[in-house]
Amino acid sequence: MSSAIPGSPEFLHATRSSYDAIAGPYTEQFADWLSDRPLDLALVTAFAELVRTAGTAPVADVGSGPGHVTARLDALGVPAFGVDVSPGMVALARQAHPGLRFHVGSMTSLDLPDETLGGVLALFSIIHVPDDHLPTVLAEFHRVLVPGGHVLLCFQSGDEDGSMHLTERFGQEISLDYYFRTPDSVAEQLVKAGLRLQARVLREADGEEQRPRAFLLARKDV
């Protein structure tokens, strides 16, 4: 599979190639991590209920990976589809969930019309977006949401913003940057993108996790 994404930022090329390289073992390890995280599942379920009661517009699971969260949304009664930058991940998601729609795409430029989504879910996907591209991503989320639509973000957090670069994972050579941000810094960017913050939850690291998990829920005003 080619790693070229014509006209896209360079970090997307590295992210695509890296996740293509580790798609198989990543899917095996994180086949359904929500089932072991009841608080995380409760927050995703609450997001799905907010979207479902607001209308019939679908949800985009951005950075859908193996597709299990997309499938969870579907089971909760929300029409959902997955978007991922990695063709390898998309292929595995389609194989595991043949009744759902997954396509290759970038959160920096979603191939969707304006105001067509009831929700955008981005779990552990903005962690690979550099600071200078994050405003573009959040502006895209705002653009594709219907008035009254919701965004739920989840990301590894900490006491201050920072980053990490990995060259190996699951025994595979990769080149992947991780950006760790405080809830406050991401909340500020959501507001600048025109979204109204509704809730923030900071869950402490559990088990083998090394960093707290931040959840931010925001809404596009009517």
C-alpha atoms as a PDB file:
ATOM      1  CA  MET A   1       0.000   0.000   0.000  1.00  0.00           C
ATOM      2  CA  SER A   2       1.311   3.428  -0.857  1.00  0.00           C
ATOM      3  CA  SER A   3       1.912   5.888   1.954  1.00  0.00           C
ATOM      4  CA  ALA A   4       1.481   8.870  -0.344  1.00  0.00           C
ATOM      5  CA  ILE A   5      -1.386  11.214   0.433  1.00  0.00           C
ATOM      6  CA  PRO A   6      -1.268  13.880  -2.289  1.00  0.00           C
ATOM      7  CA  GLY A   7      -1.592  17.408  -0.943  1.00  0.00           C
ATOM      8  CA  SER A   8      -1.638  16.289   2.706  1.00  0.00           C
ATOM      9  CA  PRO A   9       0.636  17.372   5.575  1.00  0.00           C
ATOM     10  CA  GLU A  10       3.798  15.314   6.011  1.00  0.00           C
ATOM     11  CA  PHE A  11       2.808  14.011   9.445  1.00  0.00           C
ATOM     12  CA  LEU A  12      -0.126  12.170   7.866  1.00  0.00           C
ATOM     13  CA  HIS A  13       2.220  10.201   5.596  1.00  0.00           C
ATOM     14  CA  ALA A  14       4.225   8.980   8.595  1.00  0.00           C
ATOM     15  CA  THR A  15       1.080   8.193  10.583  1.00  0.00           C
ATOM     16  CA  ARG A  16      -0.405   6.203   7.711  1.00  0.00           C
ATOM     17  CA  SER A  17       2.768   4.201   7.075  1.00  0.00           C
ATOM     18  CA  SER A  18       3.260   3.501  10.769  1.00  0.00           C
ATOM     19  CA  TYR A  19      -0.253   2.219  11.371  1.00  0.00           C
ATOM     20  CA  ASP A  20      -0.186   0.178   8.176  1.00  0.00           C
ATOM     21  CA  ALA A  21       2.945  -1.516   9.570  1.00  0.00           C
ATOM     22  CA  ILE A  22       1.362  -2.376  12.934  1.00  0.00           C
ATOM     23  CA  ALA A  23      -2.289  -2.818  11.898  1.00  0.00           C
ATOM     24  CA  GLY A  24      -2.383  -6.558  12.648  1.00  0.00           C
ATOM     25  CA  PRO A  25      -0.833  -6.668  16.143  1.00  0.00           C
ATOM     26  CA  TYR A  26      -2.489  -3.383  17.125  1.00  0.00           C
ATOM     27  CA  THR A  27      -5.897  -4.826  16.272  1.00  0.00           C
ATOM     28  CA  GLU A  28      -5.155  -7.989  18.254  1.00  0.00           C
ATOM     29  CA  GLN A  29      -4.157  -6.024  21.353  1.00  0.00           C
ATOM     30  CA  PHE A  30      -6.869  -3.371  21.172  1.00  0.00           C
ATOM     31  CA  ALA A  31      -9.700  -5.382  19.634  1.00  0.00           C
ATOM     32  CA  ASP A  32     -12.259  -3.930  22.064  1.00  0.00           C
ATOM     33  CA  TRP A  33     -10.585  -1.889  24.778  1.00  0.00           C
ATOM     34  CA  LEU A  34     -13.855  -0.236  25.790  1.00  0.00           C
ATOM     35  CA  SER A  35     -15.115  -3.517  27.240  1.00  0.00           C
ATOM     36  CA  ASP A  36     -12.380  -3.297  29.906  1.00  0.00           C
ATOM     37  CA  ARG A  37     -12.933   0.404  30.649  1.00  0.00           C
ATOM     38  CA  PRO A  38     -16.443   0.891  32.111  1.00  0.00           C
ATOM     39  CA  LEU A  39     -16.039   4.641  32.689  1.00  0.00           C
ATOM     40  CA  ASP A  40     -14.786   5.195  29.144  1.00  0.00           C
ATOM     41  CA  LEU A  41     -17.679   3.118  27.824  1.00  0.00           C
ATOM     42  CA  ALA A  42     -20.158   5.130  29.889  1.00  0.00           C
ATOM     43  CA  LEU A  43     -18.879   8.378  28.373  1.00  0.00           C
ATOM     44  CA  VAL A  44     -19.093   7.017  24.822  1.00  0.00           C
ATOM     45  CA  THR A  45     -22.595   5.731  25.600  1.00  0.00           C
ATOM     46  CA  ALA A  46     -23.632   9.162  26.903  1.00  0.00           C
ATOM     47  CA  PHE A  47     -22.250  10.772  23.737  1.00  0.00           C
ATOM     48  CA  ALA A  48     -24.235   8.316  21.612  1.00  0.00           C
ATOM     49  CA  GLU A  49     -27.410   9.090  23.548  1.00  0.00           C
ATOM     50  CA  LEU A  50     -26.943  12.837  23.062  1.00  0.00           C
ATOM     51  CA  VAL A  51     -26.522  12.341  19.322  1.00  0.00           C
ATOM     52  CA  ARG A  52     -29.392   9.876  19.040  1.00  0.00           C
ATOM     53  CA  THR A  53     -31.896  12.082  20.839  1.00  0.00           C
ATOM     54  CA  ALA A  54     -30.904  15.151  18.799  1.00  0.00           C
ATOM     55  CA  GLY A  55     -31.765  13.663  15.392  1.00  0.00           C
ATOM     56  CA  THR A  56     -30.862  11.102  12.774  1.00  0.00           C
ATOM     57  CA  ALA A  57     -27.620  12.547  11.399  1.00  0.00           C
ATOM     58  CA  PRO A  58     -24.748  10.021  11.512  1.00  0.00           C
ATOM     59  CA  VAL A  59     -21.571   9.981  13.561  1.00  0.00           C
ATOM     60  CA  ALA A  60     -18.067   9.857  12.122  1.00  0.00           C
ATOM     61  CA  ASP A  61     -15.645   7.798  14.204  1.00  0.00           C
ATOM     62  CA  VAL A  62     -12.463   9.612  13.195  1.00  0.00           C
ATOM     63  CA  GLY A  63      -9.367   7.505  13.655  1.00  0.00           C
ATOM     64  CA  SER A  64     -11.567   4.415  13.792  1.00  0.00           C
ATOM     65  CA  GLY A  65      -8.704   1.897  13.722  1.00  0.00           C
ATOM     66  CA  PRO A  66      -9.999  -1.690  14.092  1.00  0.00           C
ATOM     67  CA  GLY A  67     -13.596  -0.428  14.041  1.00  0.00           C
ATOM     68  CA  HIS A  68     -14.840  -1.723  17.379  1.00  0.00           C
ATOM     69  CA  VAL A  69     -15.931   1.716  18.601  1.00  0.00           C
ATOM     70  CA  THR A  70     -17.805   2.326  15.354  1.00  0.00           C
ATOM     71  CA  ALA A  71     -19.554  -1.001  15.912  1.00  0.00           C
ATOM     72  CA  ARG A  72     -20.338  -0.003  19.503  1.00  0.00           C
ATOM     73  CA  LEU A  73     -21.999   3.199  18.316  1.00  0.00           C
ATOM     74  CA  ASP A  74     -24.042   1.219  15.809  1.00  0.00           C
ATOM     75  CA  ALA A  75     -25.153  -1.153  18.571  1.00  0.00           C
ATOM     76  CA  LEU A  76     -26.234   1.850  20.624  1.00  0.00           C
ATOM     77  CA  GLY A  77     -28.618   2.882  17.859  1.00  0.00           C
ATOM     78  CA  VAL A  78     -26.503   5.587  16.243  1.00  0.00           C
ATOM     79  CA  PRO A  79     -25.808   5.449  12.493  1.00  0.00           C
ATOM     80  CA  ALA A  80     -22.022   5.512  12.408  1.00  0.00           C
ATOM     81  CA  PHE A  81     -19.138   5.076  10.007  1.00  0.00           C
ATOM     82  CA  GLY A  82     -15.375   4.975  10.466  1.00  0.00           C
ATOM     83  CA  VAL A  83     -12.637   7.130   8.968  1.00  0.00           C
ATOM     84  CA  ASP A  84      -8.964   6.252   9.306  1.00  0.00           C
ATOM     85  CA  VAL A  85      -5.793   7.431   7.600  1.00  0.00           C
ATOM     86  CA  SER A  86      -4.426   3.863   7.417  1.00  0.00           C
ATOM     87  CA  PRO A  87      -5.655   1.619   4.583  1.00  0.00           C
ATOM     88  CA  GLY A  88      -4.427  -1.365   6.592  1.00  0.00           C
ATOM     89  CA  MET A  89      -6.614  -0.440   9.527  1.00  0.00           C
ATOM     90  CA  VAL A  90      -9.595   0.210   7.271  1.00  0.00           C
ATOM     91  CA  ALA A  91      -9.201  -3.210   5.628  1.00  0.00           C
ATOM     92  CA  LEU A  92      -9.187  -4.961   9.015  1.00  0.00           C
ATOM     93  CA  ALA A  93     -12.191  -2.957  10.219  1.00  0.00           C
ATOM     94  CA  ARG A  94     -14.163  -3.882   7.101  1.00  0.00           C
ATOM     95  CA  GLN A  95     -13.255  -7.525   7.600  1.00  0.00           C
ATOM     96  CA  ALA A  96     -14.343  -7.521  11.250  1.00  0.00           C
ATOM     97  CA  HIS A  97     -17.502  -5.463  10.708  1.00  0.00           C
ATOM     98  CA  PRO A  98     -18.749  -6.123   7.158  1.00  0.00           C
ATOM     99  CA  GLY A  99     -22.105  -4.474   7.817  1.00  0.00           C
ATOM    100  CA  LEU A 100     -20.568  -1.081   8.572  1.00  0.00           C
ATOM    101  CA  ARG A 101     -18.890   1.532   6.410  1.00  0.00           C
ATOM    102  CA  PHE A 102     -15.215   2.424   6.762  1.00  0.00           C
ATOM    103  CA  HIS A 103     -13.137   4.561   4.458  1.00  0.00           C
ATOM    104  CA  VAL A 104      -9.643   5.992   4.215  1.00  0.00           C
ATOM    105  CA  GLY A 105      -9.530   9.677   5.010  1.00  0.00           C
ATOM    106  CA  SER A 106      -7.830  12.450   6.940  1.00  0.00           C
ATOM    107  CA  MET A 107      -9.241  14.507   9.782  1.00  0.00           C
ATOM    108  CA  THR A 108      -7.434  17.549   8.394  1.00  0.00           C
ATOM    109  CA  SER A 109      -9.723  17.481   5.341  1.00  0.00           C
ATOM    110  CA  LEU A 110     -12.803  15.323   5.791  1.00  0.00           C
ATOM    111  CA  ASP A 111     -14.440  14.274   2.543  1.00  0.00           C
ATOM    112  CA  LEU A 112     -17.872  15.276   3.805  1.00  0.00           C
ATOM    113  CA  PRO A 113     -20.320  18.093   3.036  1.00  0.00           C
ATOM    114  CA  ASP A 114     -20.923  20.904   5.502  1.00  0.00           C
ATOM    115  CA  GLU A 115     -23.345  20.298   8.379  1.00  0.00           C
ATOM    116  CA  THR A 116     -24.078  16.628   7.724  1.00  0.00           C
ATOM    117  CA  LEU A 117     -22.986  14.885  10.952  1.00  0.00           C
ATOM    118  CA  GLY A 118     -24.760  14.596  14.250  1.00  0.00           C
ATOM    119  CA  GLY A 119     -21.509  13.784  15.990  1.00  0.00           C
ATOM    120  CA  VAL A 120     -17.769  13.405  15.654  1.00  0.00           C
ATOM    121  CA  LEU A 121     -15.945  10.926  17.865  1.00  0.00           C
ATOM    122  CA  ALA A 122     -12.150  11.086  18.023  1.00  0.00           C
ATOM    123  CA  LEU A 123     -10.687   8.644  20.532  1.00  0.00           C
ATOM    124  CA  PHE A 124      -6.886   8.704  20.742  1.00  0.00           C
ATOM    125  CA  SER A 125      -6.538  10.134  17.238  1.00  0.00           C
ATOM    126  CA  ILE A 126      -5.710  13.818  17.799  1.00  0.00           C
ATOM    127  CA  ILE A 127      -2.633  12.581  19.708  1.00  0.00           C
ATOM    128  CA  HIS A 128      -0.836  12.297  16.363  1.00  0.00           C
ATOM    129  CA  VAL A 129      -1.749  15.809  15.200  1.00  0.00           C
ATOM    130  CA  PRO A 130       0.961  18.470  15.658  1.00  0.00           C
ATOM    131  CA  ASP A 131       0.002  21.658  17.482  1.00  0.00           C
ATOM    132  CA  ASP A 132       0.019  23.788  14.345  1.00  0.00           C
ATOM    133  CA  HIS A 133      -2.478  21.457  12.622  1.00  0.00           C
ATOM    134  CA  LEU A 134      -4.870  20.958  15.539  1.00  0.00           C
ATOM    135  CA  PRO A 135      -6.890  24.156  14.818  1.00  0.00           C
ATOM    136  CA  THR A 136      -7.477  22.895  11.263  1.00  0.00           C
ATOM    137  CA  VAL A 137      -8.742  19.542  12.556  1.00  0.00           C
ATOM    138  CA  LEU A 138     -11.139  21.101  15.057  1.00  0.00           C
ATOM    139  CA  ALA A 139     -12.371  23.554  12.428  1.00  0.00           C
ATOM    140  CA  GLU A 140     -13.152  20.560  10.203  1.00  0.00           C
ATOM    141  CA  PHE A 141     -15.131  18.961  13.020  1.00  0.00           C
ATOM    142  CA  HIS A 142     -17.116  22.175  13.414  1.00  0.00           C
ATOM    143  CA  ARG A 143     -17.709  22.425   9.658  1.00  0.00           C
ATOM    144  CA  VAL A 144     -19.191  18.953   9.234  1.00  0.00           C
ATOM    145  CA  LEU A 145     -21.414  19.051  12.316  1.00  0.00           C
ATOM    146  CA  VAL A 146     -25.066  20.006  12.093  1.00  0.00           C
ATOM    147  CA  PRO A 147     -26.110  22.773  14.489  1.00  0.00           C
ATOM    148  CA  GLY A 148     -26.591  21.017  17.815  1.00  0.00           C
ATOM    149  CA  GLY A 149     -24.101  18.280  16.906  1.00  0.00           C
ATOM    150  CA  HIS A 150     -21.568  16.968  19.414  1.00  0.00           C
ATOM    151  CA  VAL A 151     -17.851  16.221  19.499  1.00  0.00           C
ATOM    152  CA  LEU A 152     -16.253  13.799  21.955  1.00  0.00           C
ATOM    153  CA  LEU A 153     -12.470  13.777  22.163  1.00  0.00           C
ATOM    154  CA  CYS A 154     -10.315  11.422  24.207  1.00  0.00           C
ATOM    155  CA  PHE A 155      -6.551  11.700  24.513  1.00  0.00           C
ATOM    156  CA  GLN A 156      -3.644  10.873  26.788  1.00  0.00           C
ATOM    157  CA  SER A 157      -3.039  13.861  29.022  1.00  0.00           C
ATOM    158  CA  GLY A 158      -0.743  15.165  31.719  1.00  0.00           C
ATOM    159  CA  ASP A 159       0.159  18.197  33.809  1.00  0.00           C
ATOM    160  CA  GLU A 160       1.705  19.965  30.830  1.00  0.00           C
ATOM    161  CA  ASP A 161       1.859  19.685  27.059  1.00  0.00           C
ATOM    162  CA  GLY A 162       4.593  17.459  25.619  1.00  0.00           C
ATOM    163  CA  SER A 163       5.474  15.033  22.840  1.00  0.00           C
ATOM    164  CA  MET A 164       7.186  11.709  22.129  1.00  0.00           C
ATOM    165  CA  HIS A 165       8.585  10.049  19.021  1.00  0.00           C
ATOM    166  CA  LEU A 166       8.552   6.270  18.528  1.00  0.00           C
ATOM    167  CA  THR A 167      10.638   4.400  15.964  1.00  0.00           C
ATOM    168  CA  GLU A 168       9.464   0.886  16.916  1.00  0.00           C
ATOM    169  CA  ARG A 169       6.247  -0.710  18.087  1.00  0.00           C
ATOM    170  CA  PHE A 170       5.097  -4.346  18.054  1.00  0.00           C
ATOM    171  CA  GLY A 171       8.506  -5.217  16.633  1.00  0.00           C
ATOM    172  CA  GLN A 172       7.899  -3.066  13.546  1.00  0.00           C
ATOM    173  CA  GLU A 173       9.869  -0.053  12.368  1.00  0.00           C
ATOM    174  CA  ILE A 174       7.707   3.063  12.501  1.00  0.00           C
ATOM    175  CA  SER A 175       8.020   6.836  12.680  1.00  0.00           C
ATOM    176  CA  LEU A 176       5.197   8.088  14.853  1.00  0.00           C
ATOM    177  CA  ASP A 177       4.854  11.277  16.873  1.00  0.00           C
ATOM    178  CA  TYR A 178       2.609  11.520  19.932  1.00  0.00           C
ATOM    179  CA  TYR A 179       1.416  14.848  21.331  1.00  0.00           C
ATOM    180  CA  PHE A 180       0.235  14.977  24.941  1.00  0.00           C
ATOM    181  CA  ARG A 181      -1.909  17.936  25.924  1.00  0.00           C
ATOM    182  CA  THR A 182      -3.660  19.188  29.022  1.00  0.00           C
ATOM    183  CA  PRO A 183      -7.472  19.264  28.990  1.00  0.00           C
ATOM    184  CA  ASP A 184      -7.338  23.050  29.325  1.00  0.00           C
ATOM    185  CA  SER A 185      -5.188  23.533  26.225  1.00  0.00           C
ATOM    186  CA  VAL A 186      -7.461  21.374  24.052  1.00  0.00           C
ATOM    187  CA  ALA A 187     -10.605  22.930  25.527  1.00  0.00           C
ATOM    188  CA  GLU A 188      -9.272  26.347  24.552  1.00  0.00           C
ATOM    189  CA  GLN A 189      -8.780  25.152  20.967  1.00  0.00           C
ATOM    190  CA  LEU A 190     -12.321  23.728  20.847  1.00  0.00           C
ATOM    191  CA  VAL A 191     -13.746  27.082  21.888  1.00  0.00           C
ATOM    192  CA  LYS A 192     -11.628  28.887  19.285  1.00  0.00           C
ATOM    193  CA  ALA A 193     -13.059  26.506  16.663  1.00  0.00           C
ATOM    194  CA  GLY A 194     -16.566  27.693  17.553  1.00  0.00           C
ATOM    195  CA  LEU A 195     -17.591  24.760  19.746  1.00  0.00           C
ATOM    196  CA  ARG A 196     -19.064  25.127  23.220  1.00  0.00           C
ATOM    197  CA  LEU A 197     -17.500  22.969  25.890  1.00  0.00           C
ATOM    198  CA  GLN A 198     -20.061  20.916  27.797  1.00  0.00           C
ATOM    199  CA  ALA A 199     -18.005  18.545  29.944  1.00  0.00           C
ATOM    200  CA  ARG A 200     -14.481  17.509  30.752  1.00  0.00           C
ATOM    201  CA  VAL A 201     -13.451  14.318  32.519  1.00  0.00           C
ATOM    202  CA  LEU A 202      -9.932  13.383  33.554  1.00  0.00           C
ATOM    203  CA  ARG A 203      -9.533   9.707  34.353  1.00  0.00           C
ATOM    204  CA  GLU A 204      -6.400   8.609  36.146  1.00  0.00           C
ATOM    205  CA  ALA A 205      -4.105   6.070  34.494  1.00  0.00           C
ATOM    206  CA  ASP A 206      -5.265   2.497  35.011  1.00  0.00           C
ATOM    207  CA  GLY A 207      -3.302  -0.754  34.791  1.00  0.00           C
ATOM    208  CA  GLU A 208      -0.454  -0.441  32.292  1.00  0.00           C
ATOM    209  CA  GLU A 209      -1.482   3.063  31.233  1.00  0.00           C
ATOM    210  CA  GLN A 210       1.202   5.647  31.871  1.00  0.00           C
ATOM    211  CA  ARG A 211      -0.852   8.819  31.495  1.00  0.00           C
ATOM    212  CA  PRO A 212      -4.300  10.029  32.544  1.00  0.00           C
ATOM    213  CA  ARG A 213      -7.069   9.986  29.933  1.00  0.00           C
ATOM    214  CA  ALA A 214      -8.908  13.238  29.183  1.00  0.00           C
ATOM    215  CA  PHE A 215     -12.406  13.316  27.692  1.00  0.00           C
ATOM    216  CA  LEU A 216     -13.838  16.566  26.331  1.00  0.00           C
ATOM    217  CA  LEU A 217     -17.443  16.903  25.164  1.00  0.00           C
ATOM    218  CA  ALA A 218     -18.363  19.933  23.069  1.00  0.00           C
ATOM    219  CA  ARG A 219     -21.371  21.083  21.055  1.00  0.00           C
ATOM    220  CA  LYS A 220     -21.952  23.192  17.983  1.00  0.00           C
ATOM    221  CA  ASP A 221     -24.572  25.758  18.893  1.00  0.00           C
ATOM    222  CA  VAL A 222     -27.849  25.908  17.000  1.00  0.00           C
END
